[in-house]
Amino acid sequence: MKSLQRVLSSGIFILSLSSISLAHPLGQSAESELLRISVHVYNYAGVPDAQVRAAEAVATQVLHGAGIELQWNDCSMKLGRAESNSPACDGTSNKLLLYFVGPLEGDFKWVANNALGFSIVPVTHEQATMAYVSWPRIQKLSASTSTDAADLLGLATAHEVGHLLFGSHDHANQGIMRAPWKSKDLQSKHWEEFRFTRGQAQRLRSVVKERPRTDSSRIGP
Protein backbone atom coordinates (compact mmCIF):
# COMPACT_ATOMS: atom_id res chain seq x y z
CA MET A 1 0.00 0.00 0.00
CA LYS A 2 2.96 2.31 0.50
CA SER A 3 3.18 2.59 -3.28
CA LEU A 4 -0.06 4.60 -3.14
CA GLN A 5 1.39 7.26 -0.88
CA ARG A 6 1.44 10.86 -2.08
CA VAL A 7 3.27 13.25 0.15
CA LEU A 8 2.81 16.97 -0.11
CA SER A 9 5.05 18.70 2.41
CA SER A 10 3.38 21.00 4.91
CA GLY A 11 6.47 23.21 5.19
CA ILE A 12 4.62 26.07 3.53
CA PHE A 13 4.38 29.68 4.60
CA ILE A 14 2.84 33.02 3.52
CA LEU A 15 0.49 32.77 0.54
CA SER A 16 -2.14 34.98 -1.06
CA LEU A 17 -3.39 34.18 -4.54
CA SER A 18 -5.52 37.27 -4.90
CA SER A 19 -2.68 39.22 -6.54
CA ILE A 20 -1.02 36.34 -8.39
CA SER A 21 -0.69 36.55 -12.14
CA LEU A 22 0.21 33.14 -13.49
CA ALA A 23 1.50 33.77 -17.00
CA HIS A 24 0.64 31.21 -19.66
CA PRO A 25 3.81 29.14 -20.18
CA LEU A 26 2.77 28.02 -23.66
CA GLY A 27 2.06 31.43 -25.08
CA GLN A 28 -1.13 33.03 -26.40
CA SER A 29 -1.69 30.43 -29.14
CA ALA A 30 -2.24 27.69 -26.55
CA GLU A 31 -4.91 29.74 -24.80
CA SER A 32 -7.01 29.69 -27.99
CA GLU A 33 -7.19 25.89 -27.82
CA LEU A 34 -7.78 24.96 -24.22
CA LEU A 35 -8.25 21.30 -23.46
CA ARG A 36 -11.08 20.48 -21.09
CA ILE A 37 -11.10 17.73 -18.50
CA SER A 38 -13.80 16.93 -15.95
CA VAL A 39 -13.25 16.69 -12.21
CA HIS A 40 -15.83 15.10 -9.91
CA VAL A 41 -15.65 16.64 -6.45
CA TYR A 42 -16.80 14.65 -3.41
CA ASN A 43 -16.86 16.97 -0.41
CA TYR A 44 -16.95 14.39 2.36
CA ALA A 45 -15.19 16.75 4.79
CA GLY A 46 -17.93 19.36 4.72
CA VAL A 47 -15.71 22.14 3.37
CA PRO A 48 -17.87 25.30 3.19
CA ASP A 49 -19.22 25.87 -0.31
CA ALA A 50 -17.59 29.28 -0.63
CA GLN A 51 -14.18 27.83 0.12
CA VAL A 52 -14.72 24.95 -2.28
CA ARG A 53 -15.56 27.42 -5.04
CA ALA A 54 -12.52 29.56 -4.17
CA ALA A 55 -10.23 26.52 -4.17
CA GLU A 56 -11.62 25.41 -7.52
CA ALA A 57 -10.90 28.88 -8.90
CA VAL A 58 -7.27 28.64 -7.76
CA ALA A 59 -6.80 25.17 -9.25
CA THR A 60 -8.51 26.35 -12.44
CA GLN A 61 -6.09 29.25 -12.71
CA VAL A 62 -3.06 27.02 -12.26
CA LEU A 63 -4.22 24.45 -14.86
CA HIS A 64 -5.36 27.19 -17.23
CA GLY A 65 -1.74 28.31 -17.30
CA ALA A 66 -0.93 24.91 -18.81
CA GLY A 67 -3.65 25.26 -21.44
CA ILE A 68 -6.14 23.03 -19.63
CA GLU A 69 -9.66 23.94 -18.57
CA LEU A 70 -11.03 22.12 -15.53
CA GLN A 71 -14.76 21.39 -15.58
CA TRP A 72 -16.03 20.93 -12.02
CA ASN A 73 -18.91 18.65 -11.07
CA ASP A 74 -20.16 18.69 -7.48
CA CYS A 75 -20.94 15.05 -6.80
CA SER A 76 -21.24 15.29 -3.03
CA MET A 77 -24.08 13.23 -1.66
CA LYS A 78 -26.92 14.58 0.46
CA LEU A 79 -29.98 12.52 1.19
CA GLY A 80 -28.73 9.96 -1.29
CA ARG A 81 -28.62 12.38 -4.20
CA ALA A 82 -25.85 14.33 -5.89
CA GLU A 83 -26.13 17.96 -4.80
CA SER A 84 -25.75 19.24 -8.33
CA ASN A 85 -28.16 16.69 -9.82
CA SER A 86 -25.75 16.77 -12.74
CA PRO A 87 -25.95 13.90 -15.23
CA ALA A 88 -22.14 14.12 -15.30
CA CYS A 89 -22.09 12.56 -11.84
CA ASP A 90 -23.86 9.45 -13.07
CA GLY A 91 -20.74 7.99 -14.65
CA THR A 92 -17.18 8.08 -13.33
CA SER A 93 -15.32 6.25 -16.10
CA ASN A 94 -12.15 8.13 -17.08
CA LYS A 95 -13.09 11.12 -14.91
CA LEU A 96 -10.81 12.62 -12.29
CA LEU A 97 -12.27 11.96 -8.85
CA LEU A 98 -11.27 14.41 -6.12
CA TYR A 99 -12.20 13.67 -2.51
CA PHE A 100 -12.04 16.30 0.22
CA VAL A 101 -11.78 14.15 3.33
CA GLY A 102 -11.22 14.40 7.07
CA PRO A 103 -8.25 13.02 9.01
CA LEU A 104 -6.07 10.68 7.00
CA GLU A 105 -4.60 8.88 10.00
CA GLY A 106 -7.44 6.40 10.47
CA ASP A 107 -8.02 5.01 6.99
CA PHE A 108 -4.76 5.95 5.28
CA LYS A 109 -2.06 5.04 7.78
CA TRP A 110 0.65 4.89 5.12
CA VAL A 111 0.35 8.62 4.35
CA ALA A 112 3.00 10.78 6.02
CA ASN A 113 1.87 12.99 8.89
CA ASN A 114 2.84 16.17 7.04
CA ALA A 115 1.00 15.24 3.82
CA LEU A 116 -1.91 17.42 2.73
CA GLY A 117 -3.12 14.83 0.25
CA PHE A 118 -2.22 11.90 -1.95
CA SER A 119 -3.09 10.34 -5.28
CA ILE A 120 -3.69 6.72 -6.11
CA VAL A 121 -1.55 5.74 -9.07
CA PRO A 122 -2.16 2.17 -10.29
CA VAL A 123 0.90 0.00 -10.78
CA THR A 124 -0.75 -1.26 -13.97
CA HIS A 125 -1.20 0.78 -17.14
CA GLU A 126 -4.62 1.97 -16.04
CA GLN A 127 -5.18 5.72 -15.83
CA ALA A 128 -4.92 7.32 -12.40
CA THR A 129 -8.25 8.86 -11.44
CA MET A 130 -8.54 9.18 -7.63
CA ALA A 131 -6.99 11.81 -5.37
CA TYR A 132 -7.60 12.85 -1.76
CA VAL A 133 -6.97 16.11 0.09
CA SER A 134 -7.36 16.35 3.86
CA TRP A 135 -9.36 19.40 4.94
CA PRO A 136 -8.28 19.19 8.62
CA ARG A 137 -4.64 19.18 7.55
CA ILE A 138 -5.29 22.16 5.27
CA GLN A 139 -6.94 23.98 8.18
CA LYS A 140 -4.11 23.12 10.55
CA LEU A 141 -1.50 24.43 8.15
CA SER A 142 -3.58 27.53 7.47
CA ALA A 143 -3.90 28.24 11.20
CA SER A 144 -0.14 27.95 11.74
CA THR A 145 0.71 30.26 8.83
CA SER A 146 -0.85 33.22 7.08
CA THR A 147 -1.93 30.98 4.21
CA ASP A 148 -5.57 31.24 3.24
CA ALA A 149 -7.17 27.80 3.55
CA ALA A 150 -9.01 28.02 0.23
CA ASP A 151 -5.83 29.08 -1.58
CA LEU A 152 -3.92 26.22 -0.03
CA LEU A 153 -6.71 23.77 -0.87
CA GLY A 154 -6.63 24.97 -4.48
CA LEU A 155 -2.87 24.56 -4.80
CA ALA A 156 -2.99 21.11 -3.23
CA THR A 157 -5.77 20.19 -5.65
CA ALA A 158 -3.78 21.39 -8.67
CA HIS A 159 -0.77 19.44 -7.41
CA GLU A 160 -2.78 16.23 -7.09
CA VAL A 161 -4.45 16.72 -10.48
CA GLY A 162 -0.93 16.92 -11.87
CA HIS A 163 -0.06 13.57 -10.30
CA LEU A 164 -3.20 11.96 -11.71
CA LEU A 165 -2.61 13.21 -15.24
CA PHE A 166 1.09 12.36 -15.16
CA GLY A 167 0.23 8.96 -13.69
CA SER A 168 3.17 9.22 -11.34
CA HIS A 169 4.14 10.08 -7.76
CA ASP A 170 7.34 11.70 -9.01
CA HIS A 171 8.16 15.30 -8.18
CA ALA A 172 9.97 17.94 -10.14
CA ASN A 173 12.69 20.44 -9.30
CA GLN A 174 10.56 23.39 -10.35
CA GLY A 175 6.97 24.52 -10.37
CA ILE A 176 3.91 23.36 -8.50
CA MET A 177 4.96 19.72 -8.85
CA ARG A 178 7.97 20.39 -6.62
CA ALA A 179 7.94 18.90 -3.13
CA PRO A 180 8.52 20.27 -0.66
CA TRP A 181 7.49 23.76 -1.66
CA LYS A 182 10.17 26.25 -0.64
CA SER A 183 9.20 28.73 2.05
CA LYS A 184 11.50 31.36 0.52
CA ASP A 185 9.50 31.24 -2.73
CA LEU A 186 6.30 31.96 -0.81
CA GLN A 187 7.84 34.59 1.43
CA SER A 188 9.39 36.36 -1.60
CA LYS A 189 6.23 35.87 -3.66
CA HIS A 190 7.97 33.87 -6.36
CA TRP A 191 4.60 32.94 -7.83
CA GLU A 192 6.16 31.38 -10.92
CA GLU A 193 7.05 28.44 -8.68
CA PHE A 194 3.35 27.66 -8.27
CA ARG A 195 2.49 26.97 -11.88
CA PHE A 196 3.34 24.17 -14.26
CA THR A 197 6.58 24.72 -16.14
CA ARG A 198 6.57 24.85 -19.92
CA GLY A 199 7.74 21.25 -20.16
CA GLN A 200 5.18 20.07 -17.61
CA ALA A 201 2.42 21.98 -19.41
CA GLN A 202 3.27 20.41 -22.75
CA ARG A 203 3.32 16.97 -21.17
CA LEU A 204 -0.04 17.59 -19.49
CA ARG A 205 -1.63 18.66 -22.76
CA SER A 206 -0.29 15.58 -24.50
CA VAL A 207 -1.77 13.35 -21.80
CA VAL A 208 -5.16 15.06 -21.86
CA LYS A 209 -5.34 14.78 -25.66
CA GLU A 210 -4.84 11.04 -25.36
CA ARG A 211 -7.64 10.53 -22.84
CA PRO A 212 -11.02 9.34 -24.17
CA ARG A 213 -13.18 12.05 -25.71
CA THR A 214 -15.83 11.41 -23.05
CA ASP A 215 -13.31 12.83 -20.57
CA SER A 216 -11.63 15.61 -22.51
CA SER A 217 -12.30 17.90 -25.43
CA ARG A 218 -10.96 20.99 -27.10
CA ILE A 219 -12.63 24.30 -26.48
CA GLY A 220 -12.11 27.68 -28.01
CA PRO A 221 -12.01 28.82 -31.63
C-alpha atoms as a PDB file:
ATOM      1  CA  MET A   1       0.000   0.000   0.000  1.00  0.00           C
ATOM      2  CA  LYS A   2       2.963   2.306   0.498  1.00  0.00           C
ATOM      3  CA  SER A   3       3.175   2.594  -3.280  1.00  0.00           C
ATOM      4  CA  LEU A   4      -0.055   4.603  -3.139  1.00  0.00           C
ATOM      5  CA  GLN A   5       1.392   7.258  -0.879  1.00  0.00           C
ATOM      6  CA  ARG A   6       1.436  10.856  -2.081  1.00  0.00           C
ATOM      7  CA  VAL A   7       3.273  13.247   0.149  1.00  0.00           C
ATOM      8  CA  LEU A   8       2.810  16.969  -0.105  1.00  0.00           C
ATOM      9  CA  SER A   9       5.050  18.702   2.407  1.00  0.00           C
ATOM     10  CA  SER A  10       3.382  20.999   4.909  1.00  0.00           C
ATOM     11  CA  GLY A  11       6.474  23.209   5.189  1.00  0.00           C
ATOM     12  CA  ILE A  12       4.623  26.072   3.533  1.00  0.00           C
ATOM     13  CA  PHE A  13       4.381  29.680   4.604  1.00  0.00           C
ATOM     14  CA  ILE A  14       2.838  33.023   3.523  1.00  0.00           C
ATOM     15  CA  LEU A  15       0.491  32.774   0.539  1.00  0.00           C
ATOM     16  CA  SER A  16      -2.144  34.979  -1.060  1.00  0.00           C
ATOM     17  CA  LEU A  17      -3.385  34.180  -4.539  1.00  0.00           C
ATOM     18  CA  SER A  18      -5.525  37.273  -4.905  1.00  0.00           C
ATOM     19  CA  SER A  19      -2.678  39.215  -6.537  1.00  0.00           C
ATOM     20  CA  ILE A  20      -1.018  36.339  -8.385  1.00  0.00           C
ATOM     21  CA  SER A  21      -0.687  36.546 -12.137  1.00  0.00           C
ATOM     22  CA  LEU A  22       0.215  33.142 -13.491  1.00  0.00           C
ATOM     23  CA  ALA A  23       1.497  33.773 -16.997  1.00  0.00           C
ATOM     24  CA  HIS A  24       0.644  31.214 -19.659  1.00  0.00           C
ATOM     25  CA  PRO A  25       3.810  29.143 -20.180  1.00  0.00           C
ATOM     26  CA  LEU A  26       2.767  28.023 -23.656  1.00  0.00           C
ATOM     27  CA  GLY A  27       2.056  31.426 -25.078  1.00  0.00           C
ATOM     28  CA  GLN A  28      -1.133  33.034 -26.400  1.00  0.00           C
ATOM     29  CA  SER A  29      -1.694  30.433 -29.139  1.00  0.00           C
ATOM     30  CA  ALA A  30      -2.237  27.686 -26.551  1.00  0.00           C
ATOM     31  CA  GLU A  31      -4.910  29.737 -24.800  1.00  0.00           C
ATOM     32  CA  SER A  32      -7.013  29.685 -27.989  1.00  0.00           C
ATOM     33  CA  GLU A  33      -7.187  25.891 -27.825  1.00  0.00           C
ATOM     34  CA  LEU A  34      -7.783  24.960 -24.223  1.00  0.00           C
ATOM     35  CA  LEU A  35      -8.246  21.297 -23.464  1.00  0.00           C
ATOM     36  CA  ARG A  36     -11.083  20.480 -21.087  1.00  0.00           C
ATOM     37  CA  ILE A  37     -11.105  17.733 -18.498  1.00  0.00           C
ATOM     38  CA  SER A  38     -13.804  16.928 -15.946  1.00  0.00           C
ATOM     39  CA  VAL A  39     -13.253  16.692 -12.210  1.00  0.00           C
ATOM     40  CA  HIS A  40     -15.833  15.097  -9.912  1.00  0.00           C
ATOM     41  CA  VAL A  41     -15.651  16.637  -6.448  1.00  0.00           C
ATOM     42  CA  TYR A  42     -16.801  14.648  -3.410  1.00  0.00           C
ATOM     43  CA  ASN A  43     -16.857  16.973  -0.412  1.00  0.00           C
ATOM     44  CA  TYR A  44     -16.955  14.391   2.360  1.00  0.00           C
ATOM     45  CA  ALA A  45     -15.191  16.751   4.788  1.00  0.00           C
ATOM     46  CA  GLY A  46     -17.926  19.361   4.717  1.00  0.00           C
ATOM     47  CA  VAL A  47     -15.715  22.138   3.372  1.00  0.00           C
ATOM     48  CA  PRO A  48     -17.870  25.302   3.191  1.00  0.00           C
ATOM     49  CA  ASP A  49     -19.222  25.868  -0.312  1.00  0.00           C
ATOM     50  CA  ALA A  50     -17.588  29.280  -0.633  1.00  0.00           C
ATOM     51  CA  GLN A  51     -14.183  27.829   0.120  1.00  0.00           C
ATOM     52  CA  VAL A  52     -14.722  24.946  -2.278  1.00  0.00           C
ATOM     53  CA  ARG A  53     -15.559  27.420  -5.042  1.00  0.00           C
ATOM     54  CA  ALA A  54     -12.522  29.560  -4.175  1.00  0.00           C
ATOM     55  CA  ALA A  55     -10.230  26.519  -4.169  1.00  0.00           C
ATOM     56  CA  GLU A  56     -11.620  25.410  -7.523  1.00  0.00           C
ATOM     57  CA  ALA A  57     -10.903  28.879  -8.902  1.00  0.00           C
ATOM     58  CA  VAL A  58      -7.275  28.642  -7.758  1.00  0.00           C
ATOM     59  CA  ALA A  59      -6.805  25.174  -9.253  1.00  0.00           C
ATOM     60  CA  THR A  60      -8.515  26.349 -12.442  1.00  0.00           C
ATOM     61  CA  GLN A  61      -6.090  29.250 -12.708  1.00  0.00           C
ATOM     62  CA  VAL A  62      -3.062  27.015 -12.260  1.00  0.00           C
ATOM     63  CA  LEU A  63      -4.224  24.454 -14.860  1.00  0.00           C
ATOM     64  CA  HIS A  64      -5.359  27.190 -17.228  1.00  0.00           C
ATOM     65  CA  GLY A  65      -1.742  28.310 -17.297  1.00  0.00           C
ATOM     66  CA  ALA A  66      -0.933  24.912 -18.806  1.00  0.00           C
ATOM     67  CA  GLY A  67      -3.647  25.262 -21.442  1.00  0.00           C
ATOM     68  CA  ILE A  68      -6.135  23.025 -19.635  1.00  0.00           C
ATOM     69  CA  GLU A  69      -9.659  23.940 -18.566  1.00  0.00           C
ATOM     70  CA  LEU A  70     -11.032  22.115 -15.528  1.00  0.00           C
ATOM     71  CA  GLN A  71     -14.757  21.392 -15.577  1.00  0.00           C
ATOM     72  CA  TRP A  72     -16.029  20.927 -12.024  1.00  0.00           C
ATOM     73  CA  ASN A  73     -18.913  18.653 -11.071  1.00  0.00           C
ATOM     74  CA  ASP A  74     -20.159  18.687  -7.485  1.00  0.00           C
ATOM     75  CA  CYS A  75     -20.944  15.053  -6.803  1.00  0.00           C
ATOM     76  CA  SER A  76     -21.244  15.286  -3.032  1.00  0.00           C
ATOM     77  CA  MET A  77     -24.085  13.226  -1.656  1.00  0.00           C
ATOM     78  CA  LYS A  78     -26.916  14.581   0.456  1.00  0.00           C
ATOM     79  CA  LEU A  79     -29.976  12.518   1.191  1.00  0.00           C
ATOM     80  CA  GLY A  80     -28.729   9.958  -1.289  1.00  0.00           C
ATOM     81  CA  ARG A  81     -28.618  12.382  -4.203  1.00  0.00           C
ATOM     82  CA  ALA A  82     -25.849  14.331  -5.889  1.00  0.00           C
ATOM     83  CA  GLU A  83     -26.134  17.958  -4.804  1.00  0.00           C
ATOM     84  CA  SER A  84     -25.748  19.245  -8.327  1.00  0.00           C
ATOM     85  CA  ASN A  85     -28.157  16.687  -9.819  1.00  0.00           C
ATOM     86  CA  SER A  86     -25.753  16.772 -12.744  1.00  0.00           C
ATOM     87  CA  PRO A  87     -25.945  13.900 -15.234  1.00  0.00           C
ATOM     88  CA  ALA A  88     -22.141  14.124 -15.302  1.00  0.00           C
ATOM     89  CA  CYS A  89     -22.086  12.562 -11.836  1.00  0.00           C
ATOM     90  CA  ASP A  90     -23.858   9.447 -13.072  1.00  0.00           C
ATOM     91  CA  GLY A  91     -20.740   7.985 -14.650  1.00  0.00           C
ATOM     92  CA  THR A  92     -17.181   8.085 -13.333  1.00  0.00           C
ATOM     93  CA  SER A  93     -15.316   6.249 -16.097  1.00  0.00           C
ATOM     94  CA  ASN A  94     -12.150   8.135 -17.084  1.00  0.00           C
ATOM     95  CA  LYS A  95     -13.086  11.122 -14.911  1.00  0.00           C
ATOM     96  CA  LEU A  96     -10.807  12.618 -12.287  1.00  0.00           C
ATOM     97  CA  LEU A  97     -12.268  11.962  -8.847  1.00  0.00           C
ATOM     98  CA  LEU A  98     -11.271  14.406  -6.124  1.00  0.00           C
ATOM     99  CA  TYR A  99     -12.201  13.666  -2.506  1.00  0.00           C
ATOM    100  CA  PHE A 100     -12.045  16.299   0.218  1.00  0.00           C
ATOM    101  CA  VAL A 101     -11.782  14.150   3.332  1.00  0.00           C
ATOM    102  CA  GLY A 102     -11.216  14.398   7.068  1.00  0.00           C
ATOM    103  CA  PRO A 103      -8.246  13.025   9.013  1.00  0.00           C
ATOM    104  CA  LEU A 104      -6.066  10.681   7.003  1.00  0.00           C
ATOM    105  CA  GLU A 105      -4.604   8.879   9.999  1.00  0.00           C
ATOM    106  CA  GLY A 106      -7.445   6.403  10.468  1.00  0.00           C
ATOM    107  CA  ASP A 107      -8.016   5.010   6.993  1.00  0.00           C
ATOM    108  CA  PHE A 108      -4.761   5.947   5.283  1.00  0.00           C
ATOM    109  CA  LYS A 109      -2.063   5.041   7.778  1.00  0.00           C
ATOM    110  CA  TRP A 110       0.645   4.894   5.118  1.00  0.00           C
ATOM    111  CA  VAL A 111       0.351   8.624   4.346  1.00  0.00           C
ATOM    112  CA  ALA A 112       2.995  10.784   6.016  1.00  0.00           C
ATOM    113  CA  ASN A 113       1.868  12.994   8.889  1.00  0.00           C
ATOM    114  CA  ASN A 114       2.835  16.171   7.037  1.00  0.00           C
ATOM    115  CA  ALA A 115       1.005  15.241   3.819  1.00  0.00           C
ATOM    116  CA  LEU A 116      -1.910  17.416   2.732  1.00  0.00           C
ATOM    117  CA  GLY A 117      -3.119  14.829   0.247  1.00  0.00           C
ATOM    118  CA  PHE A 118      -2.220  11.901  -1.952  1.00  0.00           C
ATOM    119  CA  SER A 119      -3.090  10.345  -5.282  1.00  0.00           C
ATOM    120  CA  ILE A 120      -3.688   6.717  -6.108  1.00  0.00           C
ATOM    121  CA  VAL A 121      -1.548   5.742  -9.070  1.00  0.00           C
ATOM    122  CA  PRO A 122      -2.161   2.174 -10.289  1.00  0.00           C
ATOM    123  CA  VAL A 123       0.900   0.001 -10.777  1.00  0.00           C
ATOM    124  CA  THR A 124      -0.751  -1.262 -13.972  1.00  0.00           C
ATOM    125  CA  HIS A 125      -1.198   0.779 -17.144  1.00  0.00           C
ATOM    126  CA  GLU A 126      -4.617   1.975 -16.038  1.00  0.00           C
ATOM    127  CA  GLN A 127      -5.179   5.720 -15.833  1.00  0.00           C
ATOM    128  CA  ALA A 128      -4.922   7.319 -12.397  1.00  0.00           C
ATOM    129  CA  THR A 129      -8.252   8.862 -11.438  1.00  0.00           C
ATOM    130  CA  MET A 130      -8.542   9.185  -7.632  1.00  0.00           C
ATOM    131  CA  ALA A 131      -6.987  11.814  -5.374  1.00  0.00           C
ATOM    132  CA  TYR A 132      -7.600  12.849  -1.762  1.00  0.00           C
ATOM    133  CA  VAL A 133      -6.970  16.107   0.087  1.00  0.00           C
ATOM    134  CA  SER A 134      -7.363  16.345   3.861  1.00  0.00           C
ATOM    135  CA  TRP A 135      -9.356  19.400   4.943  1.00  0.00           C
ATOM    136  CA  PRO A 136      -8.281  19.190   8.623  1.00  0.00           C
ATOM    137  CA  ARG A 137      -4.639  19.185   7.552  1.00  0.00           C
ATOM    138  CA  ILE A 138      -5.290  22.159   5.272  1.00  0.00           C
ATOM    139  CA  GLN A 139      -6.945  23.977   8.178  1.00  0.00           C
ATOM    140  CA  LYS A 140      -4.111  23.119  10.549  1.00  0.00           C
ATOM    141  CA  LEU A 141      -1.505  24.426   8.145  1.00  0.00           C
ATOM    142  CA  SER A 142      -3.582  27.530   7.469  1.00  0.00           C
ATOM    143  CA  ALA A 143      -3.895  28.241  11.201  1.00  0.00           C
ATOM    144  CA  SER A 144      -0.141  27.945  11.736  1.00  0.00           C
ATOM    145  CA  THR A 145       0.709  30.259   8.832  1.00  0.00           C
ATOM    146  CA  SER A 146      -0.846  33.225   7.084  1.00  0.00           C
ATOM    147  CA  THR A 147      -1.925  30.980   4.210  1.00  0.00           C
ATOM    148  CA  ASP A 148      -5.575  31.236   3.242  1.00  0.00           C
ATOM    149  CA  ALA A 149      -7.165  27.796   3.553  1.00  0.00           C
ATOM    150  CA  ALA A 150      -9.010  28.023   0.229  1.00  0.00           C
ATOM    151  CA  ASP A 151      -5.829  29.077  -1.583  1.00  0.00           C
ATOM    152  CA  LEU A 152      -3.916  26.219  -0.033  1.00  0.00           C
ATOM    153  CA  LEU A 153      -6.714  23.770  -0.875  1.00  0.00           C
ATOM    154  CA  GLY A 154      -6.626  24.969  -4.477  1.00  0.00           C
ATOM    155  CA  LEU A 155      -2.869  24.564  -4.804  1.00  0.00           C
ATOM    156  CA  ALA A 156      -2.990  21.115  -3.227  1.00  0.00           C
ATOM    157  CA  THR A 157      -5.772  20.190  -5.650  1.00  0.00           C
ATOM    158  CA  ALA A 158      -3.785  21.389  -8.667  1.00  0.00           C
ATOM    159  CA  HIS A 159      -0.770  19.439  -7.412  1.00  0.00           C
ATOM    160  CA  GLU A 160      -2.783  16.232  -7.090  1.00  0.00           C
ATOM    161  CA  VAL A 161      -4.445  16.720 -10.476  1.00  0.00           C
ATOM    162  CA  GLY A 162      -0.933  16.921 -11.872  1.00  0.00           C
ATOM    163  CA  HIS A 163      -0.060  13.568 -10.304  1.00  0.00           C
ATOM    164  CA  LEU A 164      -3.195  11.965 -11.708  1.00  0.00           C
ATOM    165  CA  LEU A 165      -2.613  13.205 -15.238  1.00  0.00           C
ATOM    166  CA  PHE A 166       1.087  12.355 -15.156  1.00  0.00           C
ATOM    167  CA  GLY A 167       0.226   8.960 -13.689  1.00  0.00           C
ATOM    168  CA  SER A 168       3.170   9.217 -11.336  1.00  0.00           C
ATOM    169  CA  HIS A 169       4.143  10.082  -7.760  1.00  0.00           C
ATOM    170  CA  ASP A 170       7.340  11.696  -9.012  1.00  0.00           C
ATOM    171  CA  HIS A 171       8.156  15.296  -8.177  1.00  0.00           C
ATOM    172  CA  ALA A 172       9.974  17.945 -10.140  1.00  0.00           C
ATOM    173  CA  ASN A 173      12.693  20.443  -9.303  1.00  0.00           C
ATOM    174  CA  GLN A 174      10.563  23.391 -10.349  1.00  0.00           C
ATOM    175  CA  GLY A 175       6.966  24.523 -10.370  1.00  0.00           C
ATOM    176  CA  ILE A 176       3.915  23.363  -8.497  1.00  0.00           C
ATOM    177  CA  MET A 177       4.965  19.721  -8.846  1.00  0.00           C
ATOM    178  CA  ARG A 178       7.971  20.390  -6.616  1.00  0.00           C
ATOM    179  CA  ALA A 179       7.942  18.904  -3.126  1.00  0.00           C
ATOM    180  CA  PRO A 180       8.521  20.269  -0.657  1.00  0.00           C
ATOM    181  CA  TRP A 181       7.490  23.764  -1.656  1.00  0.00           C
ATOM    182  CA  LYS A 182      10.172  26.247  -0.641  1.00  0.00           C
ATOM    183  CA  SER A 183       9.196  28.729   2.050  1.00  0.00           C
ATOM    184  CA  LYS A 184      11.496  31.355   0.519  1.00  0.00           C
ATOM    185  CA  ASP A 185       9.499  31.238  -2.729  1.00  0.00           C
ATOM    186  CA  LEU A 186       6.305  31.958  -0.811  1.00  0.00           C
ATOM    187  CA  GLN A 187       7.845  34.590   1.426  1.00  0.00           C
ATOM    188  CA  SER A 188       9.393  36.358  -1.600  1.00  0.00           C
ATOM    189  CA  LYS A 189       6.233  35.872  -3.659  1.00  0.00           C
ATOM    190  CA  HIS A 190       7.969  33.874  -6.357  1.00  0.00           C
ATOM    191  CA  TRP A 191       4.598  32.936  -7.827  1.00  0.00           C
ATOM    192  CA  GLU A 192       6.160  31.378 -10.915  1.00  0.00           C
ATOM    193  CA  GLU A 193       7.055  28.437  -8.684  1.00  0.00           C
ATOM    194  CA  PHE A 194       3.349  27.655  -8.274  1.00  0.00           C
ATOM    195  CA  ARG A 195       2.491  26.973 -11.877  1.00  0.00           C
ATOM    196  CA  PHE A 196       3.340  24.167 -14.257  1.00  0.00           C
ATOM    197  CA  THR A 197       6.580  24.719 -16.138  1.00  0.00           C
ATOM    198  CA  ARG A 198       6.569  24.855 -19.922  1.00  0.00           C
ATOM    199  CA  GLY A 199       7.736  21.250 -20.159  1.00  0.00           C
ATOM    200  CA  GLN A 200       5.176  20.070 -17.611  1.00  0.00           C
ATOM    201  CA  ALA A 201       2.420  21.979 -19.411  1.00  0.00           C
ATOM    202  CA  GLN A 202       3.274  20.406 -22.754  1.00  0.00           C
ATOM    203  CA  ARG A 203       3.318  16.975 -21.175  1.00  0.00           C
ATOM    204  CA  LEU A 204      -0.039  17.585 -19.485  1.00  0.00           C
ATOM    205  CA  ARG A 205      -1.634  18.660 -22.763  1.00  0.00           C
ATOM    206  CA  SER A 206      -0.290  15.584 -24.501  1.00  0.00           C
ATOM    207  CA  VAL A 207      -1.768  13.347 -21.795  1.00  0.00           C
ATOM    208  CA  VAL A 208      -5.160  15.065 -21.863  1.00  0.00           C
ATOM    209  CA  LYS A 209      -5.340  14.785 -25.658  1.00  0.00           C
ATOM    210  CA  GLU A 210      -4.838  11.037 -25.360  1.00  0.00           C
ATOM    211  CA  ARG A 211      -7.635  10.533 -22.843  1.00  0.00           C
ATOM    212  CA  PRO A 212     -11.025   9.342 -24.175  1.00  0.00           C
ATOM    213  CA  ARG A 213     -13.179  12.049 -25.706  1.00  0.00           C
ATOM    214  CA  THR A 214     -15.833  11.411 -23.046  1.00  0.00           C
ATOM    215  CA  ASP A 215     -13.311  12.828 -20.571  1.00  0.00           C
ATOM    216  CA  SER A 216     -11.633  15.605 -22.507  1.00  0.00           C
ATOM    217  CA  SER A 217     -12.296  17.898 -25.429  1.00  0.00           C
ATOM    218  CA  ARG A 218     -10.959  20.991 -27.104  1.00  0.00           C
ATOM    219  CA  ILE A 219     -12.630  24.302 -26.479  1.00  0.00           C
ATOM    220  CA  GLY A 220     -12.107  27.676 -28.005  1.00  0.00           C
ATOM    221  CA  PRO A 221     -12.006  28.817 -31.635  1.00  0.00           C
END
